């Protein structure tokens, strides 16, 4: 087992439900960046492998949505995840960077928002775990969520 695999396994096993979603956003973003690099280098295998990984992560995020408690937010996230998967599929078929770049921007924006929500939950004492978030994910300005914010079944 590589040190990267061991590190990820440790992070996942010790993560709170909110952190698990953050880890998925982080790795989806990294996979999309790998896809862009593979495209730029002309590596069909690396591009396709990275896009497949990102599509799989987006599928996992969508399947974890709690539509009962998340309501409209969960529905909107589900549509966004499907849209991103469609854009990645298009990018892979057409060997185009723009759809991949668009998905990267969307993942970073949603990931930053999720990170901010996690910080707010932590500040309220709802989540005692520390945050391990990529340095490029700064806090996105957003209003405080009203009531309990639950969209993914793991974030209850």
Protein backbone atom coordinates (compact mmCIF):
# COMPACT_ATOMS: atom_id res chain seq x y z
CA UNK A 1 0.00 0.00 0.00
CA UNK A 2 1.43 3.37 -0.98
CA UNK A 3 1.73 6.18 1.53
CA UNK A 4 -0.93 8.14 -0.43
CA UNK A 5 -3.38 5.26 -0.17
CA UNK A 6 -2.63 4.81 3.54
CA UNK A 7 -3.04 8.54 4.14
CA UNK A 8 -6.40 8.62 2.34
CA UNK A 9 -7.59 5.54 4.20
CA UNK A 10 -6.68 7.15 7.52
CA UNK A 11 -8.46 10.37 6.55
CA UNK A 12 -11.60 8.52 5.51
CA UNK A 13 -11.71 6.31 8.59
CA UNK A 14 -11.27 9.25 10.96
CA UNK A 15 -13.51 11.70 9.07
CA UNK A 16 -16.85 12.99 10.21
CA UNK A 17 -19.76 12.65 7.78
CA UNK A 18 -19.31 16.26 6.66
CA UNK A 19 -15.59 15.67 6.10
CA UNK A 20 -16.32 12.59 3.98
CA UNK A 21 -18.25 14.74 1.51
CA UNK A 22 -15.40 17.27 1.53
CA UNK A 23 -12.91 14.49 0.75
CA UNK A 24 -15.05 13.42 -2.21
CA UNK A 25 -15.09 16.99 -3.54
CA UNK A 26 -11.33 17.22 -3.07
CA UNK A 27 -10.61 13.99 -4.93
CA UNK A 28 -13.11 14.78 -7.69
CA UNK A 29 -11.31 18.09 -8.20
CA UNK A 30 -7.91 16.38 -8.24
CA UNK A 31 -9.20 13.83 -10.77
CA UNK A 32 -10.49 16.60 -13.03
CA UNK A 33 -7.12 18.35 -12.81
CA UNK A 34 -5.45 15.04 -13.74
CA UNK A 35 -7.80 14.76 -16.71
CA UNK A 36 -6.84 18.23 -17.88
CA UNK A 37 -3.16 17.34 -17.55
CA UNK A 38 -3.70 14.09 -19.46
CA UNK A 39 -5.49 15.99 -22.22
CA UNK A 40 -2.72 18.59 -22.42
CA UNK A 41 -0.08 15.84 -22.65
CA UNK A 42 -2.05 13.93 -25.26
CA UNK A 43 -2.41 10.89 -22.99
CA UNK A 44 -5.74 9.32 -23.85
CA UNK A 45 -5.35 6.67 -21.16
CA UNK A 46 -4.58 9.15 -18.35
CA UNK A 47 -7.35 11.54 -19.44
CA UNK A 48 -9.94 8.78 -19.68
CA UNK A 49 -8.88 7.17 -16.40
CA UNK A 50 -9.09 10.49 -14.54
CA UNK A 51 -12.45 11.40 -16.10
CA UNK A 52 -13.84 7.98 -15.18
CA UNK A 53 -12.67 8.46 -11.60
CA UNK A 54 -14.28 11.92 -11.39
CA UNK A 55 -17.54 10.60 -12.88
CA UNK A 56 -17.53 7.80 -10.31
CA UNK A 57 -17.04 10.24 -7.44
CA UNK A 58 -19.84 12.46 -8.75
CA UNK A 59 -22.06 9.38 -8.92
CA UNK A 60 -21.21 8.58 -5.31
CA UNK A 61 -22.02 12.15 -4.27
CA UNK A 62 -25.35 11.98 -6.08
CA UNK A 63 -26.28 8.60 -4.59
CA UNK A 64 -25.55 9.91 -1.08
CA UNK A 65 -28.01 12.79 -1.37
CA UNK A 66 -30.78 12.74 1.21
CA UNK A 67 -33.71 14.08 -0.80
CA UNK A 68 -36.12 13.75 2.11
CA UNK A 69 -34.21 16.04 4.46
CA UNK A 70 -32.32 18.02 1.81
CA UNK A 71 -35.37 19.01 -0.20
CA UNK A 72 -34.71 21.54 -2.95
CA UNK A 73 -31.00 21.80 -2.14
CA UNK A 74 -30.53 18.05 -2.58
CA UNK A 75 -32.50 18.14 -5.85
CA UNK A 76 -30.38 21.01 -7.16
CA UNK A 77 -27.16 19.24 -6.19
CA UNK A 78 -28.38 16.09 -7.93
CA UNK A 79 -28.98 18.03 -11.13
CA UNK A 80 -25.58 19.69 -10.82
CA UNK A 81 -23.82 16.33 -10.33
CA UNK A 82 -25.59 14.89 -13.42
CA UNK A 83 -24.66 18.00 -15.43
CA UNK A 84 -21.00 17.68 -14.43
CA UNK A 85 -20.97 13.98 -15.38
CA UNK A 86 -22.47 14.85 -18.77
CA UNK A 87 -19.85 17.58 -19.32
CA UNK A 88 -17.03 15.18 -18.44
CA UNK A 89 -18.40 12.56 -20.82
CA UNK A 90 -18.61 15.18 -23.58
CA UNK A 91 -15.05 16.32 -22.82
CA UNK A 92 -13.77 12.77 -23.04
CA UNK A 93 -15.53 12.05 -26.33
CA UNK A 94 -14.55 15.34 -27.96
CA UNK A 95 -11.12 15.55 -26.30
CA UNK A 96 -11.98 19.11 -25.25
CA UNK A 97 -10.61 21.07 -22.31
CA UNK A 98 -13.42 23.60 -21.83
CA UNK A 99 -15.99 21.16 -20.41
CA UNK A 100 -13.35 19.77 -18.03
CA UNK A 101 -12.34 23.29 -16.97
CA UNK A 102 -16.01 24.12 -16.35
CA UNK A 103 -16.43 21.06 -14.12
CA UNK A 104 -13.25 21.97 -12.25
CA UNK A 105 -14.65 25.45 -11.53
CA UNK A 106 -17.98 24.02 -10.40
CA UNK A 107 -16.33 21.45 -8.12
CA UNK A 108 -14.14 24.09 -6.52
CA UNK A 109 -17.10 26.39 -5.93
CA UNK A 110 -19.31 23.70 -4.41
CA UNK A 111 -16.36 22.26 -2.48
CA UNK A 112 -15.56 25.68 -1.01
CA UNK A 113 -19.20 26.10 0.00
CA UNK A 114 -19.23 22.66 1.60
CA UNK A 115 -16.02 23.49 3.47
CA UNK A 116 -17.60 26.73 4.73
CA UNK A 117 -20.66 24.85 5.94
CA UNK A 118 -18.37 22.40 7.72
CA UNK A 119 -16.58 25.28 9.44
CA UNK A 120 -19.92 26.75 10.53
CA UNK A 121 -21.04 23.37 11.87
CA UNK A 122 -17.73 23.06 13.71
CA UNK A 123 -18.12 26.55 15.18
CA UNK A 124 -21.58 25.58 16.41
CA UNK A 125 -20.18 22.43 18.01
CA UNK A 126 -21.93 20.09 15.57
CA UNK A 127 -18.72 18.63 14.24
CA UNK A 128 -15.72 18.21 16.51
CA UNK A 129 -13.27 16.93 13.87
CA UNK A 130 -10.48 19.12 12.52
CA UNK A 131 -10.50 20.27 8.89
CA UNK A 132 -8.05 19.04 6.28
CA UNK A 133 -8.86 21.05 3.18
CA UNK A 134 -6.68 21.84 0.19
CA UNK A 135 -4.93 25.21 0.49
CA UNK A 136 -6.56 26.53 -2.68
CA UNK A 137 -10.01 26.13 -1.10
CA UNK A 138 -10.56 29.49 0.56
CA UNK A 139 -13.80 30.21 2.33
CA UNK A 140 -16.53 31.20 -0.09
CA UNK A 141 -18.63 34.13 1.15
CA UNK A 142 -22.13 32.89 1.81
CA UNK A 143 -24.96 33.53 4.19
CA UNK A 144 -25.38 31.33 7.21
CA UNK A 145 -27.59 28.32 6.61
CA UNK A 146 -30.94 28.46 8.32
CA UNK A 147 -31.81 25.49 10.48
CA UNK A 148 -30.18 22.11 10.03
CA UNK A 149 -28.33 21.72 6.75
CA UNK A 150 -28.56 18.14 5.60
CA UNK A 151 -28.26 17.21 1.95
CA UNK A 152 -26.08 14.12 1.90
CA UNK A 153 -27.19 11.12 3.88
CA UNK A 154 -23.72 11.00 5.46
CA UNK A 155 -24.02 14.54 6.79
CA UNK A 156 -26.85 13.91 9.22
